[in-house]
């Protein structure tokens, strides 16, 4: 089973407006990302963060960033007893140039590893949804809710000893994200 987790709960403070509603080729970044996950072969899409009019997984610890969204999703899946070696493909809403190919390659690259990502990139990434991931997330959040350190995405991927894939053949803009008004011209591409 492959779950697609869309991280859509950010405050968009640098952008000054809700990033998930920005348009890229006439489609909101939210709808684009959902279509991308569905086209990548995931069996079920989960949305982390409050999205009006959609089913979503509320944050256990609001404002705790991507690790908090992942923790909330893994906790939700634990409540449904979904640790059967399923995968959790994670993408943020603000990466409009990701492709189905890049996501399928990532899922295909996890093999027996606990996690997988592209070299020098945090997102997209894929985790093996496991009891050990859940326990690790519980521990780092029990230790406090201060962002960074053990609660950063980088630390989470390092702890999972994420397998790293080369970006062979993928254009660099695949990994671009839209964070600030100065990035808005990229949406015209």
Protein backbone atom coordinates (compact mmCIF):
# COMPACT_ATOMS: atom_id res chain seq x y z
CA UNK A 1 0.00 0.00 0.00
CA UNK A 2 1.33 3.43 -0.89
CA UNK A 3 0.00 6.50 0.87
CA UNK A 4 0.60 9.92 -0.57
CA UNK A 5 0.96 12.65 2.07
CA UNK A 6 0.44 16.21 0.90
CA UNK A 7 1.89 18.73 3.34
CA UNK A 8 -0.54 21.65 3.07
CA UNK A 9 -0.66 23.07 6.57
CA UNK A 10 1.96 25.81 6.39
CA UNK A 11 1.19 29.41 7.28
CA UNK A 12 2.59 30.82 3.99
CA UNK A 13 4.03 33.69 6.06
CA UNK A 14 6.83 34.51 3.60
CA UNK A 15 4.40 34.43 0.67
CA UNK A 16 1.82 36.63 2.37
CA UNK A 17 -1.05 34.60 0.91
CA UNK A 18 -2.18 30.99 1.01
CA UNK A 19 0.24 29.08 -1.24
CA UNK A 20 -2.09 26.16 -1.79
CA UNK A 21 -4.53 28.49 -3.59
CA UNK A 22 -1.92 29.96 -5.97
CA UNK A 23 -2.53 29.07 -9.59
CA UNK A 24 -0.17 27.16 -11.86
CA UNK A 25 -1.47 26.74 -15.41
CA UNK A 26 -5.01 27.51 -14.23
CA UNK A 27 -5.00 24.98 -11.39
CA UNK A 28 -4.43 25.61 -7.69
CA UNK A 29 -1.20 24.24 -6.25
CA UNK A 30 -3.37 22.11 -3.96
CA UNK A 31 -5.28 20.47 -6.83
CA UNK A 32 -2.11 20.11 -8.88
CA UNK A 33 -0.34 18.29 -6.03
CA UNK A 34 -3.32 16.01 -5.40
CA UNK A 35 -3.47 15.11 -9.10
CA UNK A 36 0.27 14.47 -9.08
CA UNK A 37 0.03 12.06 -6.15
CA UNK A 38 -2.91 10.22 -7.69
CA UNK A 39 -1.08 9.96 -11.01
CA UNK A 40 1.98 8.54 -9.25
CA UNK A 41 0.22 5.36 -8.25
CA UNK A 42 -0.57 6.04 -4.60
CA UNK A 43 -3.48 4.03 -3.23
CA UNK A 44 -4.72 6.71 -0.84
CA UNK A 45 -3.98 10.43 -0.58
CA UNK A 46 -3.78 12.08 2.84
CA UNK A 47 -3.72 15.83 3.39
CA UNK A 48 -1.80 17.19 6.36
CA UNK A 49 -3.06 20.53 7.60
CA UNK A 50 -6.46 22.13 7.57
CA UNK A 51 -7.90 22.46 4.08
CA UNK A 52 -11.42 23.81 3.91
CA UNK A 53 -13.85 21.56 2.07
CA UNK A 54 -11.51 18.53 2.08
CA UNK A 55 -10.84 15.61 4.37
CA UNK A 56 -7.60 16.34 6.16
CA UNK A 57 -5.51 15.15 9.07
CA UNK A 58 -5.33 17.82 11.75
CA UNK A 59 -1.94 18.56 13.25
CA UNK A 60 -1.34 16.98 16.64
CA UNK A 61 1.11 19.80 17.31
CA UNK A 62 0.04 22.83 15.23
CA UNK A 63 2.89 24.90 13.83
CA UNK A 64 5.40 22.06 14.11
CA UNK A 65 6.36 22.02 10.43
CA UNK A 66 6.74 19.04 8.09
CA UNK A 67 7.88 16.59 10.81
CA UNK A 68 4.68 17.43 12.69
CA UNK A 69 2.61 16.75 9.59
CA UNK A 70 4.34 13.42 9.09
CA UNK A 71 3.84 12.55 12.76
CA UNK A 72 0.13 13.39 12.54
CA UNK A 73 -0.24 11.23 9.42
CA UNK A 74 1.65 8.28 10.91
CA UNK A 75 -0.43 8.59 14.10
CA UNK A 76 -3.60 8.58 11.98
CA UNK A 77 -2.42 5.48 10.10
CA UNK A 78 -1.52 3.81 13.41
CA UNK A 79 -5.11 4.35 14.58
CA UNK A 80 -6.20 2.48 11.44
CA UNK A 81 -3.62 -0.28 12.08
CA UNK A 82 -1.80 0.52 8.83
CA UNK A 83 1.81 -0.44 9.64
CA UNK A 84 1.83 -3.36 7.22
CA UNK A 85 5.06 -2.22 5.56
CA UNK A 86 3.18 0.44 3.62
CA UNK A 87 4.96 3.45 2.12
CA UNK A 88 4.37 7.13 2.82
CA UNK A 89 5.28 9.35 -0.15
CA UNK A 90 5.60 12.93 1.14
CA UNK A 91 5.38 16.09 -0.97
CA UNK A 92 4.79 19.71 0.00
CA UNK A 93 2.06 21.72 -1.72
CA UNK A 94 4.55 24.35 -2.92
CA UNK A 95 6.57 22.23 -5.40
CA UNK A 96 4.62 22.65 -8.66
CA UNK A 97 7.31 21.19 -10.95
CA UNK A 98 7.47 17.72 -9.40
CA UNK A 99 6.60 15.07 -11.95
CA UNK A 100 4.94 11.69 -11.86
CA UNK A 101 8.23 10.24 -13.11
CA UNK A 102 10.23 11.77 -10.25
CA UNK A 103 7.79 10.43 -7.66
CA UNK A 104 7.57 6.94 -9.18
CA UNK A 105 11.37 6.76 -9.33
CA UNK A 106 11.55 7.73 -5.65
CA UNK A 107 9.03 5.07 -4.59
CA UNK A 108 10.84 2.51 -6.73
CA UNK A 109 14.15 3.41 -5.10
CA UNK A 110 13.19 2.69 -1.49
CA UNK A 111 13.75 -1.09 -1.84
CA UNK A 112 14.37 -2.37 1.71
CA UNK A 113 15.41 1.02 3.11
CA UNK A 114 13.45 2.89 5.79
CA UNK A 115 13.38 6.06 3.69
CA UNK A 116 14.47 7.44 0.34
CA UNK A 117 15.14 10.89 -1.10
CA UNK A 118 17.03 12.57 -3.92
CA UNK A 119 20.63 13.66 -3.37
CA UNK A 120 20.89 17.03 -1.60
CA UNK A 121 17.10 17.33 -1.39
CA UNK A 122 14.65 17.00 1.46
CA UNK A 123 11.48 16.79 -0.63
CA UNK A 124 10.01 14.77 -2.12
CA UNK A 125 10.77 11.83 0.14
CA UNK A 126 9.30 8.47 0.97
CA UNK A 127 9.25 6.63 4.31
CA UNK A 128 8.45 3.07 5.16
CA UNK A 129 5.45 3.46 7.47
CA UNK A 130 6.60 1.42 10.42
CA UNK A 131 6.34 1.07 14.17
CA UNK A 132 9.95 2.25 14.48
CA UNK A 133 9.17 5.46 12.54
CA UNK A 134 6.13 6.02 14.73
CA UNK A 135 8.09 5.46 17.96
CA UNK A 136 10.86 7.80 16.77
CA UNK A 137 8.34 10.54 15.98
CA UNK A 138 6.65 10.03 19.35
CA UNK A 139 10.01 10.39 21.08
CA UNK A 140 11.14 13.55 19.33
CA UNK A 141 7.81 15.23 19.99
CA UNK A 142 7.77 14.04 23.62
CA UNK A 143 11.16 15.73 23.99
CA UNK A 144 9.57 19.10 23.12
CA UNK A 145 8.02 21.05 20.32
CA UNK A 146 10.90 23.38 19.49
CA UNK A 147 11.53 23.30 15.74
CA UNK A 148 14.87 22.22 14.37
CA UNK A 149 17.48 19.85 15.74
CA UNK A 150 16.08 16.34 16.06
CA UNK A 151 12.72 17.69 14.88
CA UNK A 152 13.98 18.82 11.47
CA UNK A 153 13.31 16.98 8.23
CA UNK A 154 17.04 16.65 7.70
CA UNK A 155 17.43 14.90 11.07
CA UNK A 156 14.41 12.69 10.41
CA UNK A 157 15.86 11.53 7.09
CA UNK A 158 19.31 11.02 8.64
CA UNK A 159 17.89 8.99 11.52
CA UNK A 160 16.03 6.83 9.01
CA UNK A 161 19.31 6.46 7.08
CA UNK A 162 17.48 7.50 3.93
CA UNK A 163 18.74 5.95 0.73
CA UNK A 164 19.80 8.69 -1.69
CA UNK A 165 18.93 8.62 -5.37
CA UNK A 166 20.81 10.48 -8.08
CA UNK A 167 18.82 13.11 -9.98
CA UNK A 168 19.94 11.66 -13.33
CA UNK A 169 17.84 13.04 -16.16
CA UNK A 170 15.58 15.16 -13.97
CA UNK A 171 15.63 18.91 -14.63
CA UNK A 172 16.70 20.95 -11.58
CA UNK A 173 13.44 22.91 -11.57
CA UNK A 174 11.62 19.69 -10.57
CA UNK A 175 12.80 20.47 -7.02
CA UNK A 176 11.95 24.20 -7.02
CA UNK A 177 9.48 25.44 -4.47
CA UNK A 178 7.40 28.59 -4.28
CA UNK A 179 8.07 30.36 -0.98
CA UNK A 180 8.01 34.11 -1.51
CA UNK A 181 6.45 36.68 -3.88
CA UNK A 182 9.75 36.80 -5.78
CA UNK A 183 9.14 33.12 -6.73
CA UNK A 184 5.75 33.80 -8.32
CA UNK A 185 7.15 34.29 -11.85
CA UNK A 186 8.15 30.60 -11.79
CA UNK A 187 4.45 29.71 -11.83
CA UNK A 188 4.23 31.26 -15.31
CA UNK A 189 6.74 28.71 -16.67
